Amino acid sequence: MSYYFDRDDVSLPGLCKHFKTRSDSEYNKAHGLMKYQTKRGGRLVLHSVGCPSKQEWGEALQTLQTSLDLKKQVNQEVLELHALTCERKDSDATHFIDDHLLMFHVEGIKELAHMITTLRRATTTTSTATGAAGDDQLGLYVFDKELL
């Protein structure tokens, strides 16, 4: 998603930076989980990760919503992993998931939800005599600049 917003025909550097930062953060969390697993004597079984379902992300609001949906899906999977560690009475793994994964995803979900609300407010136009068609673009521009 990040470099989509860096394209010359999209040019939203704030969203580019946001999604790049989130991507790097997700990578680091995954790396930390793999490191923890091997530290505990586990074996890594890596599967291929497919391409995103789409390459054109369209409107910023739709992209943020898609990102929120993906974040919620990953959070659900982390909750299932947490439940499994509780079921197996593995307190060390439960503690690791609590400290390193759960709060990270909850905070990410909240951040994306706030961004969506803010962008909706910034781009909602009211019917005026001037037509205000450019207000959506101006709101998006200001929203994007605030992310830098």
N, C-alpha and C. Protein backbone atom coordinates (compact mmCIF):
# COMPACT_ATOMS: atom_id res chain seq x y z
N MET A 1 0.82 -1.20 0.00
CA MET A 1 0.00 0.00 0.00
C MET A 1 0.86 1.26 0.00
N SER A 2 1.98 1.18 0.68
CA SER A 2 2.81 2.37 0.86
C SER A 2 3.21 3.02 -0.45
N TYR A 3 3.80 2.24 -1.33
CA TYR A 3 4.35 2.84 -2.54
C TYR A 3 3.28 3.19 -3.58
N TYR A 4 2.07 2.71 -3.38
CA TYR A 4 0.97 3.16 -4.21
C TYR A 4 0.79 4.68 -4.02
N PHE A 5 0.88 5.12 -2.76
CA PHE A 5 0.68 6.54 -2.46
C PHE A 5 1.89 7.39 -2.82
N ASP A 6 2.99 6.75 -3.19
CA ASP A 6 4.18 7.46 -3.61
C ASP A 6 4.22 7.68 -5.12
N ARG A 7 3.27 7.09 -5.82
CA ARG A 7 3.23 7.24 -7.29
C ARG A 7 3.01 8.70 -7.66
N ASP A 8 3.49 9.08 -8.85
CA ASP A 8 3.36 10.47 -9.28
C ASP A 8 1.91 10.87 -9.55
N ASP A 9 1.05 9.91 -9.86
CA ASP A 9 -0.35 10.24 -10.13
C ASP A 9 -1.23 10.15 -8.88
N VAL A 10 -0.65 9.75 -7.75
CA VAL A 10 -1.39 9.70 -6.48
C VAL A 10 -0.83 10.74 -5.52
N SER A 11 0.48 10.70 -5.29
CA SER A 11 1.23 11.72 -4.56
C SER A 11 0.61 12.12 -3.21
N LEU A 12 0.57 11.17 -2.31
CA LEU A 12 0.15 11.43 -0.94
C LEU A 12 1.27 10.95 -0.01
N PRO A 13 2.30 11.78 0.19
CA PRO A 13 3.48 11.34 0.92
C PRO A 13 3.21 10.99 2.39
N GLY A 14 2.23 11.61 2.99
CA GLY A 14 1.89 11.28 4.38
C GLY A 14 1.37 9.86 4.51
N LEU A 15 0.47 9.48 3.60
CA LEU A 15 -0.04 8.11 3.62
C LEU A 15 1.04 7.12 3.23
N CYS A 16 1.91 7.50 2.31
CA CYS A 16 3.04 6.64 1.94
C CYS A 16 3.88 6.36 3.19
N LYS A 17 4.23 7.42 3.91
CA LYS A 17 5.04 7.27 5.12
C LYS A 17 4.32 6.42 6.17
N HIS A 18 3.03 6.68 6.36
CA HIS A 18 2.26 5.93 7.36
C HIS A 18 2.27 4.43 7.04
N PHE A 19 1.94 4.07 5.81
CA PHE A 19 1.87 2.65 5.46
C PHE A 19 3.25 2.00 5.45
N LYS A 20 4.29 2.73 5.11
CA LYS A 20 5.65 2.18 5.16
C LYS A 20 6.04 1.92 6.60
N THR A 21 5.74 2.85 7.48
CA THR A 21 6.04 2.67 8.91
C THR A 21 5.28 1.48 9.47
N ARG A 22 4.00 1.35 9.12
CA ARG A 22 3.19 0.22 9.60
C ARG A 22 3.74 -1.09 9.06
N SER A 23 4.14 -1.11 7.81
CA SER A 23 4.70 -2.32 7.20
C SER A 23 5.97 -2.75 7.91
N ASP A 24 6.86 -1.78 8.15
CA ASP A 24 8.11 -2.09 8.85
C ASP A 24 7.83 -2.61 10.26
N SER A 25 6.86 -2.02 10.91
CA SER A 25 6.50 -2.44 12.26
C SER A 25 5.94 -3.86 12.28
N GLU A 26 5.07 -4.17 11.32
CA GLU A 26 4.52 -5.54 11.21
C GLU A 26 5.63 -6.54 10.94
N TYR A 27 6.57 -6.18 10.07
CA TYR A 27 7.71 -7.04 9.76
C TYR A 27 8.51 -7.32 11.03
N ASN A 28 8.78 -6.28 11.81
CA ASN A 28 9.56 -6.45 13.04
C ASN A 28 8.84 -7.32 14.05
N LYS A 29 7.53 -7.19 14.14
CA LYS A 29 6.76 -8.04 15.07
C LYS A 29 6.81 -9.49 14.62
N ALA A 30 6.67 -9.73 13.32
CA ALA A 30 6.75 -11.10 12.80
C ALA A 30 8.14 -11.68 13.03
N HIS A 31 9.16 -10.87 12.81
CA HIS A 31 10.53 -11.31 13.03
C HIS A 31 10.74 -11.66 14.51
N GLY A 32 10.22 -10.83 15.38
CA GLY A 32 10.33 -11.09 16.83
C GLY A 32 9.64 -12.38 17.23
N LEU A 33 8.49 -12.66 16.64
CA LEU A 33 7.77 -13.90 16.94
C LEU A 33 8.56 -15.12 16.46
N MET A 34 9.15 -15.01 15.27
CA MET A 34 9.97 -16.13 14.76
C MET A 34 11.20 -16.34 15.64
N LYS A 35 11.81 -15.25 16.06
CA LYS A 35 12.98 -15.35 16.94
C LYS A 35 12.61 -15.98 18.27
N TYR A 36 11.46 -15.59 18.82
CA TYR A 36 10.98 -16.17 20.08
C TYR A 36 10.73 -17.66 19.91
N GLN A 37 10.11 -18.03 18.80
CA GLN A 37 9.79 -19.44 18.55
C GLN A 37 11.06 -20.29 18.48
N THR A 38 12.07 -19.81 17.79
CA THR A 38 13.31 -20.60 17.69
C THR A 38 14.07 -20.59 19.00
N LYS A 39 13.96 -19.52 19.77
CA LYS A 39 14.60 -19.45 21.08
C LYS A 39 14.03 -20.51 22.02
N ARG A 40 12.75 -20.79 21.84
CA ARG A 40 12.09 -21.80 22.67
C ARG A 40 12.27 -23.21 22.13
N GLY A 41 13.07 -23.37 21.07
CA GLY A 41 13.32 -24.70 20.51
C GLY A 41 12.34 -25.11 19.43
N GLY A 42 11.50 -24.20 19.01
CA GLY A 42 10.52 -24.51 17.97
C GLY A 42 11.14 -24.49 16.59
N ARG A 43 10.41 -24.98 15.66
CA ARG A 43 10.84 -24.99 14.26
C ARG A 43 9.93 -24.05 13.47
N LEU A 44 10.53 -23.33 12.56
CA LEU A 44 9.76 -22.45 11.70
C LEU A 44 9.33 -23.21 10.46
N VAL A 45 8.06 -23.14 10.16
CA VAL A 45 7.52 -23.69 8.92
C VAL A 45 6.91 -22.51 8.18
N LEU A 46 7.62 -22.04 7.17
CA LEU A 46 7.17 -20.85 6.45
C LEU A 46 6.38 -21.27 5.21
N HIS A 47 5.32 -20.58 4.98
CA HIS A 47 4.48 -20.81 3.80
C HIS A 47 4.57 -19.57 2.92
N SER A 48 4.30 -19.74 1.66
CA SER A 48 4.34 -18.59 0.76
C SER A 48 3.18 -17.65 1.08
N VAL A 49 3.46 -16.40 0.91
CA VAL A 49 2.45 -15.37 1.12
C VAL A 49 2.07 -14.85 -0.25
N GLY A 50 0.82 -14.92 -0.57
CA GLY A 50 0.36 -14.48 -1.89
C GLY A 50 0.37 -12.97 -2.03
N CYS A 51 0.22 -12.54 -3.25
CA CYS A 51 0.13 -11.11 -3.55
C CYS A 51 -1.18 -10.56 -2.98
N PRO A 52 -1.20 -9.27 -2.73
CA PRO A 52 -2.47 -8.66 -2.31
C PRO A 52 -3.54 -8.90 -3.37
N SER A 53 -4.78 -8.90 -2.94
CA SER A 53 -5.88 -9.17 -3.87
C SER A 53 -6.04 -8.07 -4.92
N LYS A 54 -5.50 -6.89 -4.62
CA LYS A 54 -5.55 -5.83 -5.62
C LYS A 54 -4.27 -5.01 -5.58
N GLN A 55 -3.95 -4.40 -6.70
CA GLN A 55 -2.74 -3.59 -6.82
C GLN A 55 -3.04 -2.11 -6.87
N GLU A 56 -4.25 -1.76 -7.25
CA GLU A 56 -4.70 -0.37 -7.28
C GLU A 56 -5.57 -0.15 -6.05
N TRP A 57 -5.19 0.80 -5.22
CA TRP A 57 -5.88 0.95 -3.95
C TRP A 57 -6.98 1.99 -3.99
N GLY A 58 -7.01 2.83 -4.98
CA GLY A 58 -8.12 3.78 -5.12
C GLY A 58 -8.07 4.89 -4.10
N GLU A 59 -9.22 5.21 -3.56
CA GLU A 59 -9.36 6.32 -2.63
C GLU A 59 -8.66 6.03 -1.31
N ALA A 60 -8.16 7.08 -0.69
CA ALA A 60 -7.45 6.96 0.58
C ALA A 60 -8.36 6.34 1.66
N LEU A 61 -9.61 6.78 1.69
CA LEU A 61 -10.53 6.27 2.71
C LEU A 61 -10.77 4.77 2.54
N GLN A 62 -10.93 4.32 1.31
CA GLN A 62 -11.11 2.89 1.06
C GLN A 62 -9.87 2.10 1.46
N THR A 63 -8.71 2.67 1.21
CA THR A 63 -7.46 2.00 1.55
C THR A 63 -7.30 1.89 3.06
N LEU A 64 -7.62 2.95 3.77
CA LEU A 64 -7.57 2.90 5.24
C LEU A 64 -8.55 1.87 5.77
N GLN A 65 -9.74 1.79 5.18
CA GLN A 65 -10.72 0.81 5.63
C GLN A 65 -10.23 -0.62 5.37
N THR A 66 -9.63 -0.84 4.20
CA THR A 66 -9.07 -2.15 3.89
C THR A 66 -7.97 -2.51 4.88
N SER A 67 -7.13 -1.54 5.19
CA SER A 67 -6.05 -1.75 6.16
C SER A 67 -6.62 -2.09 7.54
N LEU A 68 -7.68 -1.40 7.92
CA LEU A 68 -8.33 -1.68 9.22
C LEU A 68 -8.90 -3.10 9.23
N ASP A 69 -9.54 -3.50 8.14
CA ASP A 69 -10.10 -4.85 8.06
C ASP A 69 -9.00 -5.91 8.17
N LEU A 70 -7.88 -5.68 7.49
CA LEU A 70 -6.74 -6.61 7.57
C LEU A 70 -6.18 -6.66 8.99
N LYS A 71 -6.07 -5.51 9.62
CA LYS A 71 -5.55 -5.43 10.98
C LYS A 71 -6.45 -6.19 11.94
N LYS A 72 -7.76 -6.07 11.76
CA LYS A 72 -8.70 -6.81 12.61
C LYS A 72 -8.58 -8.31 12.39
N GLN A 73 -8.37 -8.71 11.15
CA GLN A 73 -8.20 -10.13 10.84
C GLN A 73 -6.94 -10.69 11.51
N VAL A 74 -5.84 -9.96 11.42
CA VAL A 74 -4.60 -10.40 12.07
C VAL A 74 -4.78 -10.43 13.58
N ASN A 75 -5.47 -9.44 14.11
CA ASN A 75 -5.72 -9.41 15.55
C ASN A 75 -6.51 -10.64 15.99
N GLN A 76 -7.49 -11.04 15.20
CA GLN A 76 -8.28 -12.23 15.52
C GLN A 76 -7.38 -13.47 15.55
N GLU A 77 -6.46 -13.55 14.61
CA GLU A 77 -5.54 -14.69 14.57
C GLU A 77 -4.60 -14.68 15.78
N VAL A 78 -4.17 -13.50 16.20
CA VAL A 78 -3.33 -13.39 17.40
C VAL A 78 -4.13 -13.80 18.63
N LEU A 79 -5.41 -13.42 18.69
CA LEU A 79 -6.26 -13.84 19.81
C LEU A 79 -6.42 -15.36 19.85
N GLU A 80 -6.54 -15.97 18.68
CA GLU A 80 -6.63 -17.44 18.63
C GLU A 80 -5.33 -18.09 19.09
N LEU A 81 -4.21 -17.51 18.72
CA LEU A 81 -2.92 -18.00 19.19
C LEU A 81 -2.80 -17.83 20.70
N HIS A 82 -3.27 -16.71 21.20
CA HIS A 82 -3.27 -16.46 22.64
C HIS A 82 -4.12 -17.50 23.37
N ALA A 83 -5.29 -17.78 22.83
CA ALA A 83 -6.17 -18.78 23.44
C ALA A 83 -5.50 -20.16 23.45
N LEU A 84 -4.79 -20.49 22.38
CA LEU A 84 -4.09 -21.76 22.30
C LEU A 84 -3.00 -21.86 23.36
N THR A 85 -2.25 -20.77 23.55
CA THR A 85 -1.20 -20.81 24.58
C THR A 85 -1.80 -20.90 25.98
N CYS A 86 -2.94 -20.27 26.19
CA CYS A 86 -3.63 -20.39 27.49
C CYS A 86 -4.12 -21.81 27.70
N GLU A 87 -4.70 -22.38 26.66
CA GLU A 87 -5.22 -23.75 26.73
C GLU A 87 -4.11 -24.75 27.07
N ARG A 88 -2.94 -24.52 26.51
CA ARG A 88 -1.81 -25.43 26.75
C ARG A 88 -0.99 -25.04 27.98
N LYS A 89 -1.48 -24.04 28.69
CA LYS A 89 -0.86 -23.57 29.93
C LYS A 89 0.61 -23.18 29.74
N ASP A 90 0.87 -22.52 28.63
CA ASP A 90 2.21 -22.02 28.33
C ASP A 90 2.26 -20.55 28.71
N SER A 91 2.54 -20.29 29.97
CA SER A 91 2.48 -18.92 30.47
C SER A 91 3.53 -18.01 29.85
N ASP A 92 4.69 -18.55 29.52
CA ASP A 92 5.73 -17.74 28.89
C ASP A 92 5.28 -17.25 27.52
N ALA A 93 4.70 -18.14 26.71
CA ALA A 93 4.22 -17.74 25.39
C ALA A 93 3.03 -16.79 25.51
N THR A 94 2.16 -17.04 26.47
CA THR A 94 1.02 -16.16 26.70
C THR A 94 1.50 -14.76 27.05
N HIS A 95 2.50 -14.71 27.92
CA HIS A 95 3.07 -13.43 28.33
C HIS A 95 3.71 -12.72 27.13
N PHE A 96 4.42 -13.45 26.30
CA PHE A 96 5.05 -12.87 25.11
C PHE A 96 4.00 -12.27 24.18
N ILE A 97 2.93 -13.01 23.94
CA ILE A 97 1.87 -12.54 23.06
C ILE A 97 1.19 -11.30 23.64
N ASP A 98 0.94 -11.32 24.95
CA ASP A 98 0.35 -10.16 25.61
C ASP A 98 1.22 -8.92 25.45
N ASP A 99 2.51 -9.08 25.73
CA ASP A 99 3.41 -7.93 25.74
C ASP A 99 3.81 -7.43 24.36
N HIS A 100 3.96 -8.35 23.41
CA HIS A 100 4.54 -7.97 22.13
C HIS A 100 3.56 -7.92 20.96
N LEU A 101 2.41 -8.54 21.09
CA LEU A 101 1.52 -8.61 19.93
C LEU A 101 0.14 -8.00 20.17
N LEU A 102 -0.52 -8.39 21.24
CA LEU A 102 -1.91 -7.97 21.43
C LEU A 102 -2.08 -6.46 21.52
N MET A 103 -1.34 -5.81 22.39
CA MET A 103 -1.50 -4.37 22.54
C MET A 103 -1.09 -3.63 21.27
N PHE A 104 -0.09 -4.14 20.59
CA PHE A 104 0.35 -3.55 19.33
C PHE A 104 -0.79 -3.53 18.32
N HIS A 105 -1.52 -4.63 18.22
CA HIS A 105 -2.62 -4.70 17.26
C HIS A 105 -3.82 -3.89 17.71
N VAL A 106 -4.12 -3.91 18.98
CA VAL A 106 -5.24 -3.11 19.50
C VAL A 106 -4.98 -1.62 19.26
N GLU A 107 -3.76 -1.18 19.54
CA GLU A 107 -3.42 0.22 19.32
C GLU A 107 -3.46 0.56 17.82
N GLY A 108 -3.03 -0.36 16.98
CA GLY A 108 -3.07 -0.15 15.54
C GLY A 108 -4.50 -0.04 15.02
N ILE A 109 -5.38 -0.87 15.55
CA ILE A 109 -6.80 -0.81 15.17
C ILE A 109 -7.39 0.54 15.57
N LYS A 110 -7.09 0.97 16.77
CA LYS A 110 -7.61 2.25 17.25
C LYS A 110 -7.07 3.40 16.40
N GLU A 111 -5.77 3.35 16.07
CA GLU A 111 -5.17 4.41 15.26
C GLU A 111 -5.83 4.49 13.88
N LEU A 112 -6.02 3.34 13.25
CA LEU A 112 -6.66 3.34 11.93
C LEU A 112 -8.11 3.83 12.00
N ALA A 113 -8.83 3.42 13.03
CA ALA A 113 -10.21 3.87 13.18
C ALA A 113 -10.26 5.39 13.35
N HIS A 114 -9.34 5.95 14.13
CA HIS A 114 -9.28 7.40 14.30
C HIS A 114 -8.94 8.09 12.98
N MET A 115 -8.01 7.51 12.23
CA MET A 115 -7.64 8.10 10.94
C MET A 115 -8.83 8.11 9.98
N ILE A 116 -9.58 7.03 9.97
CA ILE A 116 -10.75 6.95 9.10
C ILE A 116 -11.78 8.01 9.48
N THR A 117 -12.03 8.15 10.77
CA THR A 117 -12.98 9.16 11.24
C THR A 117 -12.51 10.57 10.89
N THR A 118 -11.23 10.82 11.10
CA THR A 118 -10.68 12.14 10.79
C THR A 118 -10.76 12.44 9.30
N LEU A 119 -10.41 11.47 8.48
CA LEU A 119 -10.46 11.67 7.03
C LEU A 119 -11.90 11.88 6.56
N ARG A 120 -12.83 11.13 7.13
CA ARG A 120 -14.24 11.34 6.77
C ARG A 120 -14.68 12.76 7.09
N ARG A 121 -14.30 13.23 8.27
CA ARG A 121 -14.67 14.60 8.65
C ARG A 121 -14.02 15.62 7.72
N ALA A 122 -12.76 15.37 7.37
CA ALA A 122 -12.02 16.33 6.55
C ALA A 122 -12.53 16.38 5.12
N THR A 123 -13.13 15.30 4.66
CA THR A 123 -13.54 15.26 3.26
C THR A 123 -15.05 15.31 3.06
N THR A 124 -15.80 15.46 4.10
CA THR A 124 -17.25 15.57 3.98
C THR A 124 -17.60 16.99 3.61
N THR A 125 -18.28 17.13 2.51
CA THR A 125 -18.69 18.47 2.08
C THR A 125 -20.16 18.67 2.40
N THR A 126 -20.48 19.88 2.68
CA THR A 126 -21.88 20.24 2.87
C THR A 126 -22.34 20.95 1.62
N SER A 127 -23.58 20.86 1.34
CA SER A 127 -24.13 21.49 0.14
C SER A 127 -24.12 23.00 0.32
N THR A 128 -23.37 23.67 -0.56
CA THR A 128 -23.31 25.13 -0.51
C THR A 128 -23.56 25.68 -1.89
N ALA A 129 -23.72 26.97 -1.96
CA ALA A 129 -23.95 27.63 -3.24
C ALA A 129 -22.74 27.53 -4.17
N THR A 130 -21.54 27.38 -3.59
CA THR A 130 -20.33 27.32 -4.41
C THR A 130 -20.08 25.93 -4.98
N GLY A 131 -20.81 24.95 -4.55
CA GLY A 131 -20.61 23.59 -5.05
C GLY A 131 -19.58 22.82 -4.26
N ALA A 132 -18.56 23.46 -3.72
CA ALA A 132 -17.56 22.91 -2.81
C ALA A 132 -16.98 21.57 -3.24
N ALA A 133 -16.88 21.32 -4.54
CA ALA A 133 -16.35 20.04 -5.02
C ALA A 133 -14.90 19.86 -4.63
N GLY A 134 -14.14 20.93 -4.51
CA GLY A 134 -12.73 20.83 -4.17
C GLY A 134 -12.47 20.63 -2.69
N ASP A 135 -13.49 20.76 -1.86
CA ASP A 135 -13.30 20.61 -0.42
C ASP A 135 -12.80 19.22 -0.05
N ASP A 136 -13.28 18.19 -0.78
CA ASP A 136 -12.81 16.84 -0.50
C ASP A 136 -11.31 16.73 -0.72
N GLN A 137 -10.84 17.30 -1.82
CA GLN A 137 -9.41 17.24 -2.14
C GLN A 137 -8.59 18.06 -1.17
N LEU A 138 -9.09 19.22 -0.78
CA LEU A 138 -8.38 20.05 0.19
C LEU A 138 -8.31 19.34 1.54
N GLY A 139 -9.41 18.71 1.95
CA GLY A 139 -9.41 17.97 3.21
C GLY A 139 -8.42 16.81 3.18
N LEU A 140 -8.37 16.12 2.05
CA LEU A 140 -7.41 15.01 1.89
C LEU A 140 -5.98 15.53 1.94
N TYR A 141 -5.75 16.66 1.28
CA TYR A 141 -4.42 17.26 1.27
C TYR A 141 -3.97 17.61 2.70
N VAL A 142 -4.83 18.26 3.47
CA VAL A 142 -4.50 18.64 4.84
C VAL A 142 -4.30 17.39 5.70
N PHE A 143 -5.17 16.42 5.55
CA PHE A 143 -5.06 15.16 6.29
C PHE A 143 -3.71 14.50 6.00
N ASP A 144 -3.34 14.44 4.74
CA ASP A 144 -2.08 13.82 4.34
C ASP A 144 -0.89 14.59 4.91
N LYS A 145 -0.93 15.89 4.88
CA LYS A 145 0.17 16.70 5.41
C LYS A 145 0.33 16.50 6.92
N GLU A 146 -0.76 16.28 7.62
CA GLU A 146 -0.70 16.04 9.07
C GLU A 146 0.01 14.73 9.40
N LEU A 147 0.04 13.81 8.44
CA LEU A 147 0.71 12.51 8.67
C LEU A 147 2.22 12.60 8.54
N LEU A 148 2.70 13.67 7.92
CA LEU A 148 4.16 13.82 7.74
C LEU A 148 4.80 14.21 9.00
